[in-house]
Amino acid sequence: MAKITFNDIGHSYDKSADQANWALKPITMTWESGKSYALVGPSGCGKTTILNIISGIVSPHQGQITFDDVDVTKVPTVKRNVALVFQFPTIYKSMTVKENLAFPLVCRGWKADAINARVGEVAEQIGISDKLDRSATKLGADEKQLISLGRGLVRDDVTALLMDEPLTVIDPQLKFELRKKIKQIIAGKEITVVYVTHDQYEAMTFADELLVMDLGKLVQRGTPEELFENPISNYVGNFIGSPAMNFIKADVSNGLATVGEYKIATSTNLSKVTDKQIQLGIRPEYVELHSGTGENVISAELIGVDDLGSTRILNCRFADGIIKA
């Protein structure tokens, strides 16, 4: 368990590339010991590069990485004592499920009784107790990934648990259950977890803090609530939340946002805004239907309804855009 710190860490897979084109622009930040973090963003935004730098698979182009203030920038993966769970299942084909789960403990010289107890505990937690004596090659892709997850969770002395989109091959219902199980397993333990995903819902339901990435940059960091309620940019507002935040072009006049004939009061003090044109960000969850007129009530044309079963999303044309409610 360790505090992980990036000091001006940046990386380019092409050493001749300009910094603007680096896979990871220089970043300084800390992952606190005992907390769970999710790196979120689209493919190619730098999430896996960060994970690989923490693990030692990739040596950064510049900067320093420390574990509990000890420089490990040049320390190889084998000496960093991290547990890795990759996107696709990685199993030892010649071993049974039990032997796969036990392998990290065998390598560290655990006694047989302790290994059996720990393997049994983890197998129960991830729901594969009835498969311990089966050959790992005879399982489905989702069950093989459970073994990979189990190997990452079986050790209780790791510096950090690093997971790179580990639930990609898991079917949707099992994914929901497994995410809860992982969270329960690590709850109360002083283990630093860094979880990579492009699924913002998965990240928000799993992590203590989210780190939103874009084009190799850390755009915003915060709790799921902070990112949902106070995104610092259109990108974050659009990426976090489903449906995405509505954006409306508006003018500023006497502390109010104006869109055509409508004046809209906001929770933000617009009297201090110097720009004459702004964009309003409104979450669909905060849009209500009204039959009459009043403050912050606008007229919009209903052009479609997305029926999701438990909820319905209204698509309404307003000004030069679409508002979802």
Protein backbone atom coordinates (compact mmCIF):
# COMPACT_ATOMS: atom_id res chain seq x y z
CA MET A 1 0.00 0.00 0.00
CA ALA A 2 1.60 3.26 -1.03
CA LYS A 3 1.09 6.89 -1.86
CA ILE A 4 1.94 7.23 -5.55
CA THR A 5 3.23 10.58 -6.82
CA PHE A 6 3.89 11.84 -10.33
CA ASN A 7 6.35 14.75 -10.45
CA ASP A 8 6.24 16.37 -13.92
CA ILE A 9 5.75 12.97 -15.56
CA GLY A 10 5.33 13.04 -19.33
CA HIS A 11 5.74 10.44 -22.03
CA SER A 12 6.04 10.11 -25.78
CA TYR A 13 6.39 6.84 -27.67
CA ASP A 14 8.04 8.88 -30.42
CA LYS A 15 11.08 10.56 -28.84
CA SER A 16 11.24 13.14 -31.65
CA ALA A 17 7.61 14.27 -31.28
CA ASP A 18 6.72 17.77 -30.08
CA GLN A 19 5.32 17.88 -26.55
CA ALA A 20 1.92 18.84 -27.96
CA ASN A 21 1.78 15.36 -29.52
CA TRP A 22 2.96 13.35 -26.52
CA ALA A 23 0.81 10.43 -25.38
CA LEU A 24 0.92 11.92 -21.87
CA LYS A 25 1.51 15.65 -21.36
CA PRO A 26 3.57 16.53 -18.23
CA ILE A 27 1.50 15.94 -15.11
CA THR A 28 2.06 16.36 -11.38
CA MET A 29 -0.38 14.62 -9.03
CA THR A 30 -0.73 12.17 -6.13
CA TRP A 31 -2.77 9.03 -5.56
CA GLU A 32 -3.30 8.70 -1.83
CA SER A 33 -2.81 5.34 -0.12
CA GLY A 34 -6.02 3.44 0.56
CA LYS A 35 -8.20 5.22 -2.01
CA SER A 36 -9.70 4.03 -5.28
CA TYR A 37 -9.20 6.06 -8.44
CA ALA A 38 -10.67 5.68 -11.92
CA LEU A 39 -8.96 7.05 -15.03
CA VAL A 40 -11.67 7.80 -17.56
CA GLY A 41 -11.70 9.11 -21.10
CA PRO A 42 -11.87 7.93 -24.72
CA SER A 43 -9.39 5.57 -26.33
CA GLY A 44 -5.95 7.12 -26.83
CA CYS A 45 -6.31 9.77 -24.12
CA GLY A 46 -3.40 8.50 -21.97
CA LYS A 47 -5.14 6.28 -19.41
CA THR A 48 -3.20 3.09 -20.06
CA THR A 49 0.06 5.03 -20.43
CA ILE A 50 -0.37 6.31 -16.86
CA LEU A 51 -1.09 2.79 -15.63
CA ASN A 52 1.97 1.41 -17.42
CA ILE A 53 4.20 4.12 -15.93
CA ILE A 54 2.95 3.31 -12.42
CA SER A 55 3.62 -0.40 -12.98
CA GLY A 56 7.04 0.15 -14.55
CA ILE A 57 6.11 -1.38 -17.90
CA VAL A 58 6.83 2.03 -19.45
CA SER A 59 9.69 4.33 -18.43
CA PRO A 60 8.51 7.96 -18.67
CA HIS A 61 10.11 10.30 -21.17
CA GLN A 62 10.53 12.84 -18.37
CA GLY A 63 9.78 13.33 -14.68
CA GLN A 64 9.89 11.27 -11.50
CA ILE A 65 7.51 8.74 -9.96
CA THR A 66 7.66 7.95 -6.24
CA PHE A 67 6.05 5.35 -3.98
CA ASP A 68 5.78 6.77 -0.44
CA ASP A 69 8.28 9.48 -1.46
CA VAL A 70 10.85 6.90 -2.62
CA ASP A 71 12.00 7.39 -6.23
CA VAL A 72 11.04 4.31 -8.29
CA THR A 73 11.36 5.87 -11.75
CA LYS A 74 14.07 3.39 -12.80
CA VAL A 75 12.87 0.49 -10.65
CA PRO A 76 11.68 -2.50 -12.77
CA THR A 77 8.15 -3.86 -12.51
CA VAL A 78 9.23 -6.99 -10.64
CA LYS A 79 10.51 -4.86 -7.73
CA ARG A 80 7.53 -2.49 -7.50
CA ASN A 81 5.23 -5.05 -5.85
CA VAL A 82 2.15 -4.07 -7.84
CA ALA A 83 -0.73 -6.32 -8.89
CA LEU A 84 -1.86 -6.01 -12.51
CA VAL A 85 -5.18 -7.00 -14.06
CA PHE A 86 -5.28 -6.56 -17.83
CA GLN A 87 -8.16 -5.95 -20.24
CA PHE A 88 -8.18 -9.51 -21.54
CA PRO A 89 -7.83 -12.69 -19.46
CA THR A 90 -4.28 -13.78 -18.64
CA ILE A 91 -4.18 -17.31 -17.22
CA TYR A 92 -1.66 -20.11 -16.90
CA LYS A 93 -3.11 -22.73 -19.24
CA SER A 94 -1.35 -25.69 -17.64
CA MET A 95 -2.86 -24.95 -14.21
CA THR A 96 -6.19 -25.46 -12.53
CA VAL A 97 -8.25 -22.49 -11.33
CA LYS A 98 -6.93 -23.03 -7.79
CA GLU A 99 -3.32 -23.18 -8.97
CA ASN A 100 -3.78 -19.99 -10.98
CA LEU A 101 -5.12 -18.14 -7.95
CA ALA A 102 -2.42 -19.56 -5.68
CA PHE A 103 0.53 -18.84 -7.99
CA PRO A 104 1.37 -15.32 -6.67
CA LEU A 105 1.38 -16.71 -3.11
CA VAL A 106 3.49 -19.74 -4.04
CA CYS A 107 6.06 -17.40 -5.60
CA ARG A 108 6.25 -15.52 -2.30
CA GLY A 109 6.78 -18.60 -0.20
CA TRP A 110 3.44 -18.75 1.59
CA LYS A 111 2.74 -21.95 3.52
CA ALA A 112 0.23 -24.40 2.06
CA ASP A 113 -2.40 -23.90 4.77
CA ALA A 114 -2.29 -20.12 4.39
CA ILE A 115 -2.48 -20.42 0.60
CA ASN A 116 -5.51 -22.72 0.75
CA ALA A 117 -7.31 -20.41 3.17
CA ARG A 118 -6.62 -17.27 1.14
CA VAL A 119 -7.47 -18.86 -2.21
CA GLY A 120 -10.70 -20.23 -0.77
CA GLU A 121 -11.63 -16.78 0.58
CA VAL A 122 -10.98 -14.99 -2.72
CA ALA A 123 -12.70 -17.71 -4.77
CA GLU A 124 -15.78 -17.33 -2.58
CA GLN A 125 -15.73 -13.56 -2.98
CA ILE A 126 -15.60 -13.66 -6.79
CA GLY A 127 -17.98 -16.62 -7.09
CA ILE A 128 -15.81 -19.42 -8.50
CA SER A 129 -15.48 -21.72 -5.47
CA ASP A 130 -17.13 -24.57 -7.37
CA LYS A 131 -14.56 -24.38 -10.17
CA LEU A 132 -11.29 -24.53 -8.23
CA ASP A 133 -10.34 -28.01 -9.43
CA ARG A 134 -11.20 -27.41 -13.08
CA SER A 135 -8.66 -26.69 -15.79
CA ALA A 136 -8.55 -22.93 -16.40
CA THR A 137 -8.58 -23.51 -20.17
CA LYS A 138 -12.06 -25.06 -20.02
CA LEU A 139 -13.74 -21.89 -18.75
CA GLY A 140 -15.45 -19.09 -20.67
CA ALA A 141 -13.86 -15.69 -21.27
CA ASP A 142 -15.72 -14.07 -18.37
CA GLU A 143 -14.70 -16.85 -15.96
CA LYS A 144 -11.08 -16.60 -17.10
CA GLN A 145 -11.16 -12.89 -16.35
CA LEU A 146 -12.48 -13.70 -12.89
CA ILE A 147 -9.30 -15.74 -12.38
CA SER A 148 -7.19 -12.75 -13.48
CA LEU A 149 -9.05 -10.54 -11.03
CA GLY A 150 -8.66 -13.13 -8.31
CA ARG A 151 -4.89 -13.26 -8.83
CA GLY A 152 -4.76 -9.50 -8.44
CA LEU A 153 -6.83 -9.61 -5.27
CA VAL A 154 -5.30 -12.67 -3.61
CA ARG A 155 -2.26 -10.79 -2.32
CA ASP A 156 -2.78 -8.53 0.68
CA ASP A 157 0.65 -6.85 0.64
CA VAL A 158 0.68 -5.11 -2.75
CA THR A 159 1.79 -1.50 -3.22
CA ALA A 160 -1.09 -0.90 -5.61
CA LEU A 161 -3.76 -2.78 -7.53
CA LEU A 162 -3.81 -1.63 -11.15
CA MET A 163 -6.70 -2.63 -13.41
CA ASP A 164 -6.88 -1.85 -17.13
CA GLU A 165 -10.54 -2.14 -18.23
CA PRO A 166 -10.84 -5.51 -16.47
CA LEU A 167 -14.57 -5.96 -17.07
CA THR A 168 -14.57 -5.52 -20.85
CA VAL A 169 -15.17 -9.22 -21.56
CA ILE A 170 -17.65 -9.70 -18.72
CA ASP A 171 -21.35 -9.88 -19.64
CA PRO A 172 -23.38 -6.84 -18.50
CA GLN A 173 -25.25 -8.41 -15.56
CA LEU A 174 -22.19 -10.17 -14.21
CA LYS A 175 -20.22 -6.95 -14.69
CA PHE A 176 -22.58 -5.12 -12.32
CA GLU A 177 -22.29 -7.85 -9.69
CA LEU A 178 -18.54 -8.20 -10.06
CA ARG A 179 -17.96 -4.47 -9.71
CA LYS A 180 -19.81 -4.58 -6.39
CA LYS A 181 -17.75 -7.56 -5.28
CA ILE A 182 -14.43 -5.87 -6.10
CA LYS A 183 -15.51 -2.81 -4.19
CA GLN A 184 -16.50 -4.93 -1.20
CA ILE A 185 -13.21 -6.83 -1.26
CA ILE A 186 -11.05 -3.71 -1.19
CA ALA A 187 -13.31 -1.81 1.26
CA GLY A 188 -11.56 -1.14 4.54
CA LYS A 189 -8.16 -2.23 3.21
CA GLU A 190 -5.27 0.19 2.89
CA ILE A 191 -4.79 -0.58 -0.78
CA THR A 192 -4.33 1.98 -3.53
CA VAL A 193 -6.45 1.08 -6.55
CA VAL A 194 -6.09 2.66 -9.99
CA TYR A 195 -8.78 1.55 -12.41
CA VAL A 196 -8.81 2.38 -16.12
CA THR A 197 -12.10 2.49 -18.02
CA HIS A 198 -13.82 4.38 -20.82
CA ASP A 199 -17.19 3.72 -19.14
CA GLN A 200 -18.05 6.74 -16.99
CA TYR A 201 -20.90 4.89 -15.24
CA GLU A 202 -18.53 2.09 -14.27
CA ALA A 203 -16.03 4.65 -12.96
CA MET A 204 -18.58 6.65 -10.97
CA THR A 205 -19.98 3.57 -9.22
CA PHE A 206 -16.56 2.17 -8.36
CA ALA A 207 -14.06 4.90 -7.49
CA ASP A 208 -13.58 7.43 -4.70
CA GLU A 209 -12.19 9.90 -7.25
CA LEU A 210 -12.33 10.19 -11.02
CA LEU A 211 -9.56 11.56 -13.23
CA VAL A 212 -10.98 12.68 -16.57
CA MET A 213 -8.41 12.52 -19.39
CA ASP A 214 -8.39 13.99 -22.88
CA LEU A 215 -5.61 14.01 -25.49
CA GLY A 216 -2.97 13.10 -22.94
CA LYS A 217 -4.02 15.73 -20.41
CA LEU A 218 -5.69 15.52 -17.02
CA VAL A 219 -8.76 17.71 -17.54
CA GLN A 220 -10.45 17.44 -14.13
CA ARG A 221 -10.15 15.42 -10.95
CA GLY A 222 -12.78 14.98 -8.26
CA THR A 223 -15.47 12.83 -6.72
CA PRO A 224 -18.30 11.59 -8.95
CA GLU A 225 -20.60 14.21 -7.38
CA GLU A 226 -18.11 17.05 -7.96
CA LEU A 227 -17.65 16.15 -11.62
CA PHE A 228 -21.39 15.75 -12.16
CA GLU A 229 -22.39 18.97 -10.42
CA ASN A 230 -19.43 21.20 -11.30
CA PRO A 231 -17.70 20.20 -14.54
CA ILE A 232 -15.03 22.75 -15.46
CA SER A 233 -15.47 22.38 -19.22
CA ASN A 234 -17.87 21.31 -21.94
CA TYR A 235 -15.78 18.19 -22.39
CA VAL A 236 -16.26 17.04 -18.79
CA GLY A 237 -19.94 18.03 -18.78
CA ASN A 238 -20.46 16.02 -21.95
CA PHE A 239 -18.41 13.01 -20.85
CA ILE A 240 -19.77 12.66 -17.32
CA GLY A 241 -23.48 11.90 -17.10
CA SER A 242 -25.91 10.05 -19.33
CA PRO A 243 -27.56 11.67 -21.17
CA ALA A 244 -24.80 14.27 -21.45
CA MET A 245 -25.20 17.82 -20.19
CA ASN A 246 -27.25 20.20 -22.36
CA PHE A 247 -25.35 23.21 -23.71
CA ILE A 248 -27.16 26.37 -24.78
CA LYS A 249 -25.55 29.44 -26.34
CA ALA A 250 -26.62 32.59 -24.53
CA ASP A 251 -25.85 36.29 -24.18
CA VAL A 252 -25.24 38.00 -20.84
CA SER A 253 -27.29 41.04 -19.92
CA ASN A 254 -27.65 42.62 -16.44
CA GLY A 255 -26.52 39.45 -14.71
CA LEU A 256 -28.94 37.23 -16.62
CA ALA A 257 -28.44 34.82 -19.48
CA THR A 258 -30.62 35.65 -22.45
CA VAL A 259 -31.59 33.32 -25.27
CA GLY A 260 -33.75 35.14 -27.77
CA GLU A 261 -36.75 36.46 -25.83
CA TYR A 262 -36.02 34.38 -22.75
CA LYS A 263 -34.11 35.52 -19.67
CA ILE A 264 -32.61 32.75 -17.57
CA ALA A 265 -31.37 33.17 -14.01
CA THR A 266 -28.49 30.89 -13.00
CA SER A 267 -26.79 29.83 -9.78
CA THR A 268 -23.62 31.42 -11.13
CA ASN A 269 -23.13 35.15 -10.55
CA LEU A 270 -23.08 36.37 -14.14
CA SER A 271 -22.65 40.02 -13.16
CA LYS A 272 -18.91 39.35 -12.98
CA VAL A 273 -18.75 37.65 -16.36
CA THR A 274 -16.94 39.83 -18.88
CA ASP A 275 -17.76 37.77 -21.96
CA LYS A 276 -20.92 38.86 -23.74
CA GLN A 277 -21.58 35.36 -25.02
CA ILE A 278 -21.54 32.22 -22.88
CA GLN A 279 -22.75 28.64 -22.88
CA LEU A 280 -25.21 27.46 -20.27
CA GLY A 281 -24.75 23.89 -19.05
CA ILE A 282 -27.92 22.21 -17.78
CA ARG A 283 -28.16 18.57 -16.75
CA PRO A 284 -31.18 16.73 -18.25
CA GLU A 285 -32.02 15.59 -14.71
CA TYR A 286 -32.69 19.21 -13.73
CA VAL A 287 -35.00 20.02 -16.64
CA GLU A 288 -38.71 19.86 -15.73
CA LEU A 289 -41.88 20.05 -17.82
CA HIS A 290 -44.31 22.90 -17.12
CA SER A 291 -47.62 23.75 -18.72
CA GLY A 292 -47.54 27.51 -18.09
CA THR A 293 -45.12 30.42 -18.05
CA GLY A 294 -42.82 31.61 -15.29
CA GLU A 295 -39.24 32.26 -14.26
CA ASN A 296 -36.76 30.10 -16.17
CA VAL A 297 -39.57 28.55 -18.23
CA ILE A 298 -39.01 28.36 -21.98
CA SER A 299 -41.03 27.03 -24.92
CA ALA A 300 -39.45 24.17 -26.86
CA GLU A 301 -40.64 21.82 -29.59
CA LEU A 302 -40.80 18.14 -28.71
CA ILE A 303 -39.23 16.27 -31.63
CA GLY A 304 -38.70 12.79 -30.21
CA VAL A 305 -38.78 10.47 -27.22
CA ASP A 306 -36.16 7.83 -26.34
CA ASP A 307 -37.92 5.06 -24.42
CA LEU A 308 -35.42 3.29 -22.15
CA GLY A 309 -38.02 1.24 -20.31
CA SER A 310 -37.68 2.63 -16.79
CA THR A 311 -37.17 6.19 -18.07
CA ARG A 312 -37.99 8.28 -21.11
CA ILE A 313 -35.72 10.97 -22.50
CA LEU A 314 -37.40 13.88 -24.28
CA ASN A 315 -35.60 15.52 -27.18
CA CYS A 316 -36.72 19.13 -27.58
CA ARG A 317 -35.64 21.70 -30.14
CA PHE A 318 -34.81 25.06 -28.59
CA ALA A 319 -33.01 28.00 -30.23
CA ASP A 320 -30.30 26.42 -32.43
CA GLY A 321 -29.88 23.19 -30.52
CA ILE A 322 -31.49 20.21 -28.79
CA ILE A 323 -32.37 20.00 -25.10
CA LYS A 324 -32.72 16.58 -23.51
CA ALA A 325 -35.01 16.24 -20.50
